[in-house]
């Protein structure tokens, strides 16, 4: 399983330069390597929520984790 995390500023009714940082989580889906694409799975998570979501994959479900920054 491949997971991509994209960090961005939130959009909405915020004053200029006070937008909070949020995280979007994508999973790579598809049957064949040529037809795989990124599909959004979770959107606009705060930092703690993103860490909680990712920790289940990093610690609990996976035997091998590669983080490429």
PDB file of N, CA and C in Angstrom:
ATOM      1  N   UNK A   1       0.845  -1.177   0.000  1.00  0.00           N
ATOM      2  CA  UNK A   1       0.000   0.000   0.000  1.00  0.00           C
ATOM      3  C   UNK A   1       0.884   1.232   0.000  1.00  0.00           C
ATOM      4  N   UNK A   2       0.529   2.184  -0.825  1.00  0.00           N
ATOM      5  CA  UNK A   2       1.253   3.452  -0.880  1.00  0.00           C
ATOM      6  C   UNK A   2       0.323   4.559  -0.434  1.00  0.00           C
ATOM      7  N   UNK A   3       0.864   5.419   0.424  1.00  0.00           N
ATOM      8  CA  UNK A   3       0.094   6.540   0.975  1.00  0.00           C
ATOM      9  C   UNK A   3       0.884   7.823   0.725  1.00  0.00           C
ATOM     10  N   UNK A   4       0.179   8.854   0.299  1.00  0.00           N
ATOM     11  CA  UNK A   4       0.792  10.166   0.079  1.00  0.00           C
ATOM     12  C   UNK A   4       0.091  11.170   0.980  1.00  0.00           C
ATOM     13  N   UNK A   5       0.872  12.029   1.624  1.00  0.00           N
ATOM     14  CA  UNK A   5       0.328  13.074   2.489  1.00  0.00           C
ATOM     15  C   UNK A   5       0.688  14.423   1.876  1.00  0.00           C
ATOM     16  N   UNK A   6      -0.319  15.255   1.680  1.00  0.00           N
ATOM     17  CA  UNK A   6      -0.126  16.590   1.101  1.00  0.00           C
ATOM     18  C   UNK A   6      -0.513  17.623   2.147  1.00  0.00           C
ATOM     19  N   UNK A   7       0.414  18.512   2.428  1.00  0.00           N
ATOM     20  CA  UNK A   7       0.183  19.569   3.415  1.00  0.00           C
ATOM     21  C   UNK A   7      -0.206  20.844   2.675  1.00  0.00           C
ATOM     22  N   UNK A   8      -1.225  21.546   3.202  1.00  0.00           N
ATOM     23  CA  UNK A   8      -1.681  22.789   2.571  1.00  0.00           C
ATOM     24  C   UNK A   8      -2.332  23.673   3.627  1.00  0.00           C
ATOM     25  N   UNK A   9      -2.581  24.922   3.267  1.00  0.00           N
ATOM     26  CA  UNK A   9      -3.313  25.826   4.143  1.00  0.00           C
ATOM     27  C   UNK A   9      -4.812  25.641   3.890  1.00  0.00           C
ATOM     28  N   UNK A  10      -5.590  25.687   4.950  1.00  0.00           N
ATOM     29  CA  UNK A  10      -7.040  25.516   4.839  1.00  0.00           C
ATOM     30  C   UNK A  10      -7.654  26.721   4.139  1.00  0.00           C
ATOM     31  N   UNK A  11      -8.741  26.456   3.442  1.00  0.00           N
ATOM     32  CA  UNK A  11      -9.480  27.524   2.785  1.00  0.00           C
ATOM     33  C   UNK A  11     -10.766  27.760   3.564  1.00  0.00           C
ATOM     34  N   UNK A  12     -11.233  28.966   3.566  1.00  0.00           N
ATOM     35  CA  UNK A  12     -12.482  29.249   4.256  1.00  0.00           C
ATOM     36  C   UNK A  12     -12.514  30.646   4.810  1.00  0.00           C
ATOM     37  N   UNK A  13     -13.278  30.813   5.856  1.00  0.00           N
ATOM     38  CA  UNK A  13     -13.520  32.121   6.458  1.00  0.00           C
ATOM     39  C   UNK A  13     -12.437  32.471   7.482  1.00  0.00           C
ATOM     40  N   UNK A  14     -11.187  32.496   7.060  1.00  0.00           N
ATOM     41  CA  UNK A  14     -10.074  32.833   7.943  1.00  0.00           C
ATOM     42  C   UNK A  14      -9.514  34.186   7.541  1.00  0.00           C
ATOM     43  N   UNK A  15      -8.994  34.893   8.520  1.00  0.00           N
ATOM     44  CA  UNK A  15      -8.317  36.146   8.205  1.00  0.00           C
ATOM     45  C   UNK A  15      -7.043  35.830   7.445  1.00  0.00           C
ATOM     46  N   UNK A  16      -6.579  36.794   6.673  1.00  0.00           N
ATOM     47  CA  UNK A  16      -5.380  36.578   5.870  1.00  0.00           C
ATOM     48  C   UNK A  16      -4.183  36.253   6.756  1.00  0.00           C
ATOM     49  N   UNK A  17      -3.412  35.257   6.374  1.00  0.00           N
ATOM     50  CA  UNK A  17      -2.221  34.768   7.070  1.00  0.00           C
ATOM     51  C   UNK A  17      -2.531  34.084   8.398  1.00  0.00           C
ATOM     52  N   UNK A  18      -3.772  33.695   8.645  1.00  0.00           N
ATOM     53  CA  UNK A  18      -4.101  32.942   9.865  1.00  0.00           C
ATOM     54  C   UNK A  18      -4.700  31.587   9.535  1.00  0.00           C
ATOM     55  N   UNK A  19      -4.619  31.181   8.268  1.00  0.00           N
ATOM     56  CA  UNK A  19      -5.180  29.898   7.868  1.00  0.00           C
ATOM     57  C   UNK A  19      -4.404  28.766   8.536  1.00  0.00           C
ATOM     58  N   UNK A  20      -5.095  27.782   9.092  1.00  0.00           N
ATOM     59  CA  UNK A  20      -4.383  26.660   9.715  1.00  0.00           C
ATOM     60  C   UNK A  20      -3.843  25.700   8.650  1.00  0.00           C
ATOM     61  N   UNK A  21      -2.797  24.978   9.016  1.00  0.00           N
ATOM     62  CA  UNK A  21      -2.226  23.972   8.136  1.00  0.00           C
ATOM     63  C   UNK A  21      -3.059  22.694   8.267  1.00  0.00           C
ATOM     64  N   UNK A  22      -3.451  22.100   7.146  1.00  0.00           N
ATOM     65  CA  UNK A  22      -4.212  20.853   7.141  1.00  0.00           C
ATOM     66  C   UNK A  22      -3.515  19.850   6.226  1.00  0.00           C
ATOM     67  N   UNK A  23      -3.923  18.594   6.350  1.00  0.00           N
ATOM     68  CA  UNK A  23      -3.277  17.515   5.615  1.00  0.00           C
ATOM     69  C   UNK A  23      -4.322  16.712   4.856  1.00  0.00           C
ATOM     70  N   UNK A  24      -4.013  16.398   3.603  1.00  0.00           N
ATOM     71  CA  UNK A  24      -4.841  15.524   2.781  1.00  0.00           C
ATOM     72  C   UNK A  24      -4.091  14.208   2.616  1.00  0.00           C
ATOM     73  N   UNK A  25      -4.790  13.099   2.744  1.00  0.00           N
ATOM     74  CA  UNK A  25      -4.173  11.784   2.645  1.00  0.00           C
ATOM     75  C   UNK A  25      -4.730  11.073   1.416  1.00  0.00           C
ATOM     76  N   UNK A  26      -3.820  10.602   0.575  1.00  0.00           N
ATOM     77  CA  UNK A  26      -4.170   9.898  -0.656  1.00  0.00           C
ATOM     78  C   UNK A  26      -3.680   8.462  -0.572  1.00  0.00           C
ATOM     79  N   UNK A  27      -4.430   7.539  -1.160  1.00  0.00           N
ATOM     80  CA  UNK A  27      -4.026   6.144  -1.298  1.00  0.00           C
ATOM     81  C   UNK A  27      -3.859   5.859  -2.779  1.00  0.00           C
ATOM     82  N   UNK A  28      -2.849   5.067  -3.113  1.00  0.00           N
ATOM     83  CA  UNK A  28      -2.660   4.670  -4.508  1.00  0.00           C
ATOM     84  C   UNK A  28      -3.523   3.455  -4.767  1.00  0.00           C
ATOM     85  N   UNK A  29      -4.400   3.534  -5.741  1.00  0.00           N
ATOM     86  CA  UNK A  29      -5.342   2.456  -6.035  1.00  0.00           C
ATOM     87  C   UNK A  29      -5.214   2.039  -7.492  1.00  0.00           C
ATOM     88  N   UNK A  30      -5.605   0.828  -7.758  1.00  0.00           N
ATOM     89  CA  UNK A  30      -5.585   0.296  -9.112  1.00  0.00           C
ATOM     90  C   UNK A  30      -5.081  -1.136  -9.099  1.00  0.00           C
ATOM     91  N   UNK A  31      -5.459  -1.877 -10.115  1.00  0.00           N
ATOM     92  CA  UNK A  31      -5.091  -3.286 -10.186  1.00  0.00           C
ATOM     93  C   UNK A  31      -3.742  -3.471 -10.865  1.00  0.00           C
ATOM     94  N   UNK A  32      -3.551  -2.814 -11.975  1.00  0.00           N
ATOM     95  CA  UNK A  32      -2.330  -2.974 -12.746  1.00  0.00           C
ATOM     96  C   UNK A  32      -1.419  -1.769 -12.532  1.00  0.00           C
ATOM     97  N   UNK A  33      -0.107  -1.981 -12.551  1.00  0.00           N
ATOM     98  CA  UNK A  33       0.817  -0.850 -12.316  1.00  0.00           C
ATOM     99  C   UNK A  33       0.623   0.323 -13.265  1.00  0.00           C
ATOM    100  N   UNK A  34       0.220   0.050 -14.505  1.00  0.00           N
ATOM    101  CA  UNK A  34       0.045   1.142 -15.462  1.00  0.00           C
ATOM    102  C   UNK A  34      -1.208   1.969 -15.197  1.00  0.00           C
ATOM    103  N   UNK A  35      -2.171   1.399 -14.507  1.00  0.00           N
ATOM    104  CA  UNK A  35      -3.449   2.079 -14.303  1.00  0.00           C
ATOM    105  C   UNK A  35      -3.659   2.537 -12.864  1.00  0.00           C
ATOM    106  N   UNK A  36      -2.601   2.600 -12.076  1.00  0.00           N
ATOM    107  CA  UNK A  36      -2.736   3.060 -10.696  1.00  0.00           C
ATOM    108  C   UNK A  36      -2.846   4.576 -10.669  1.00  0.00           C
ATOM    109  N   UNK A  37      -3.638   5.076  -9.739  1.00  0.00           N
ATOM    110  CA  UNK A  37      -3.772   6.524  -9.592  1.00  0.00           C
ATOM    111  C   UNK A  37      -3.961   6.840  -8.112  1.00  0.00           C
ATOM    112  N   UNK A  38      -3.763   8.094  -7.758  1.00  0.00           N
ATOM    113  CA  UNK A  38      -3.929   8.548  -6.383  1.00  0.00           C
ATOM    114  C   UNK A  38      -5.382   8.937  -6.172  1.00  0.00           C
ATOM    115  N   UNK A  39      -5.978   8.401  -5.120  1.00  0.00           N
ATOM    116  CA  UNK A  39      -7.361   8.714  -4.782  1.00  0.00           C
ATOM    117  C   UNK A  39      -7.380   9.322  -3.381  1.00  0.00           C
ATOM    118  N   UNK A  40      -8.072  10.438  -3.225  1.00  0.00           N
ATOM    119  CA  UNK A  40      -8.122  11.080  -1.911  1.00  0.00           C
ATOM    120  C   UNK A  40      -8.942  10.214  -0.958  1.00  0.00           C
ATOM    121  N   UNK A  41      -8.395  10.022   0.238  1.00  0.00           N
ATOM    122  CA  UNK A  41      -9.044   9.164   1.208  1.00  0.00           C
ATOM    123  C   UNK A  41      -9.543   9.981   2.400  1.00  0.00           C
ATOM    124  N   UNK A  42      -8.719  10.874   2.881  1.00  0.00           N
ATOM    125  CA  UNK A  42      -9.088  11.777   3.978  1.00  0.00           C
ATOM    126  C   UNK A  42      -8.682  13.180   3.566  1.00  0.00           C
ATOM    127  N   UNK A  43      -9.497  14.149   3.927  1.00  0.00           N
ATOM    128  CA  UNK A  43      -9.232  15.514   3.509  1.00  0.00           C
ATOM    129  C   UNK A  43      -9.293  16.465   4.697  1.00  0.00           C
ATOM    130  N   UNK A  44      -8.414  17.447   4.688  1.00  0.00           N
ATOM    131  CA  UNK A  44      -8.401  18.545   5.661  1.00  0.00           C
ATOM    132  C   UNK A  44      -8.305  18.064   7.099  1.00  0.00           C
ATOM    133  N   UNK A  45      -7.369  17.148   7.354  1.00  0.00           N
ATOM    134  CA  UNK A  45      -7.142  16.684   8.718  1.00  0.00           C
ATOM    135  C   UNK A  45      -6.181  17.617   9.430  1.00  0.00           C
ATOM    136  N   UNK A  46      -6.419  17.839  10.706  1.00  0.00           N
ATOM    137  CA  UNK A  46      -5.454  18.585  11.499  1.00  0.00           C
ATOM    138  C   UNK A  46      -4.269  17.676  11.783  1.00  0.00           C
ATOM    139  N   UNK A  47      -3.187  18.244  12.288  1.00  0.00           N
ATOM    140  CA  UNK A  47      -1.944  17.487  12.478  1.00  0.00           C
ATOM    141  C   UNK A  47      -2.148  16.244  13.341  1.00  0.00           C
ATOM    142  N   UNK A  48      -2.787  16.387  14.478  1.00  0.00           N
ATOM    143  CA  UNK A  48      -2.973  15.249  15.382  1.00  0.00           C
ATOM    144  C   UNK A  48      -3.858  14.170  14.758  1.00  0.00           C
ATOM    145  N   UNK A  49      -4.868  14.575  14.020  1.00  0.00           N
ATOM    146  CA  UNK A  49      -5.733  13.604  13.347  1.00  0.00           C
ATOM    147  C   UNK A  49      -4.976  12.852  12.264  1.00  0.00           C
ATOM    148  N   UNK A  50      -4.124  13.552  11.525  1.00  0.00           N
ATOM    149  CA  UNK A  50      -3.327  12.902  10.481  1.00  0.00           C
ATOM    150  C   UNK A  50      -2.342  11.915  11.100  1.00  0.00           C
ATOM    151  N   UNK A  51      -1.701  12.301  12.195  1.00  0.00           N
ATOM    152  CA  UNK A  51      -0.772  11.393  12.870  1.00  0.00           C
ATOM    153  C   UNK A  51      -1.481  10.165  13.420  1.00  0.00           C
ATOM    154  N   UNK A  52      -2.647  10.354  13.968  1.00  0.00           N
ATOM    155  CA  UNK A  52      -3.420   9.227  14.490  1.00  0.00           C
ATOM    156  C   UNK A  52      -3.813   8.272  13.375  1.00  0.00           C
ATOM    157  N   UNK A  53      -4.236   8.820  12.241  1.00  0.00           N
ATOM    158  CA  UNK A  53      -4.631   7.981  11.112  1.00  0.00           C
ATOM    159  C   UNK A  53      -3.433   7.201  10.561  1.00  0.00           C
ATOM    160  N   UNK A  54      -2.301   7.888  10.388  1.00  0.00           N
ATOM    161  CA  UNK A  54      -1.119   7.232   9.831  1.00  0.00           C
ATOM    162  C   UNK A  54      -0.487   6.227  10.790  1.00  0.00           C
ATOM    163  N   UNK A  55      -0.627   6.449  12.084  1.00  0.00           N
ATOM    164  CA  UNK A  55      -0.004   5.546  13.050  1.00  0.00           C
ATOM    165  C   UNK A  55      -0.561   4.137  12.957  1.00  0.00           C
ATOM    166  N   UNK A  56      -1.819   3.978  12.597  1.00  0.00           N
ATOM    167  CA  UNK A  56      -2.367   2.634  12.474  1.00  0.00           C
ATOM    168  C   UNK A  56      -1.701   1.866  11.333  1.00  0.00           C
ATOM    169  N   UNK A  57      -1.294   2.556  10.271  1.00  0.00           N
ATOM    170  CA  UNK A  57      -0.601   1.889   9.171  1.00  0.00           C
ATOM    171  C   UNK A  57       0.873   1.663   9.505  1.00  0.00           C
ATOM    172  N   UNK A  58       1.489   2.629  10.149  1.00  0.00           N
ATOM    173  CA  UNK A  58       2.913   2.540  10.433  1.00  0.00           C
ATOM    174  C   UNK A  58       3.206   1.519  11.527  1.00  0.00           C
ATOM    175  N   UNK A  59       2.440   1.515  12.575  1.00  0.00           N
ATOM    176  CA  UNK A  59       2.734   0.666  13.722  1.00  0.00           C
ATOM    177  C   UNK A  59       1.939  -0.632  13.722  1.00  0.00           C
ATOM    178  N   UNK A  60       0.670  -0.578  13.403  1.00  0.00           N
ATOM    179  CA  UNK A  60      -0.200  -1.725  13.613  1.00  0.00           C
ATOM    180  C   UNK A  60      -0.342  -2.649  12.400  1.00  0.00           C
ATOM    181  N   UNK A  61      -0.476  -2.118  11.191  1.00  0.00           N
ATOM    182  CA  UNK A  61      -0.866  -2.942  10.064  1.00  0.00           C
ATOM    183  C   UNK A  61       0.272  -3.347   9.150  1.00  0.00           C
ATOM    184  N   UNK A  62       1.399  -2.697   9.213  1.00  0.00           N
ATOM    185  CA  UNK A  62       2.440  -2.936   8.227  1.00  0.00           C
ATOM    186  C   UNK A  62       3.676  -3.572   8.845  1.00  0.00           C
ATOM    187  N   UNK A  63       4.302  -4.451   8.096  1.00  0.00           N
ATOM    188  CA  UNK A  63       5.551  -5.036   8.563  1.00  0.00           C
ATOM    189  C   UNK A  63       6.758  -4.302   7.981  1.00  0.00           C
ATOM    190  N   UNK A  64       6.550  -3.507   6.938  1.00  0.00           N
ATOM    191  CA  UNK A  64       7.626  -2.745   6.313  1.00  0.00           C
ATOM    192  C   UNK A  64       7.088  -1.378   5.914  1.00  0.00           C
ATOM    193  N   UNK A  65       7.741  -0.330   6.411  1.00  0.00           N
ATOM    194  CA  UNK A  65       7.310   1.031   6.121  1.00  0.00           C
ATOM    195  C   UNK A  65       8.504   1.816   5.577  1.00  0.00           C
ATOM    196  N   UNK A  66       8.303   2.466   4.443  1.00  0.00           N
ATOM    197  CA  UNK A  66       9.329   3.314   3.856  1.00  0.00           C
ATOM    198  C   UNK A  66       8.765   4.722   3.771  1.00  0.00           C
ATOM    199  N   UNK A  67       9.469   5.662   4.372  1.00  0.00           N
ATOM    200  CA  UNK A  67       9.043   7.061   4.328  1.00  0.00           C
ATOM    201  C   UNK A  67      10.032   7.800   3.439  1.00  0.00           C
ATOM    202  N   UNK A  68       9.534   8.384   2.377  1.00  0.00           N
ATOM    203  CA  UNK A  68      10.361   9.097   1.415  1.00  0.00           C
ATOM    204  C   UNK A  68       9.943  10.553   1.428  1.00  0.00           C
ATOM    205  N   UNK A  69      10.813  11.404   1.918  1.00  0.00           N
ATOM    206  CA  UNK A  69      10.493  12.838   2.020  1.00  0.00           C
ATOM    207  C   UNK A  69      11.145  13.625   0.914  1.00  0.00           C
TER     208      UNK A  69
END
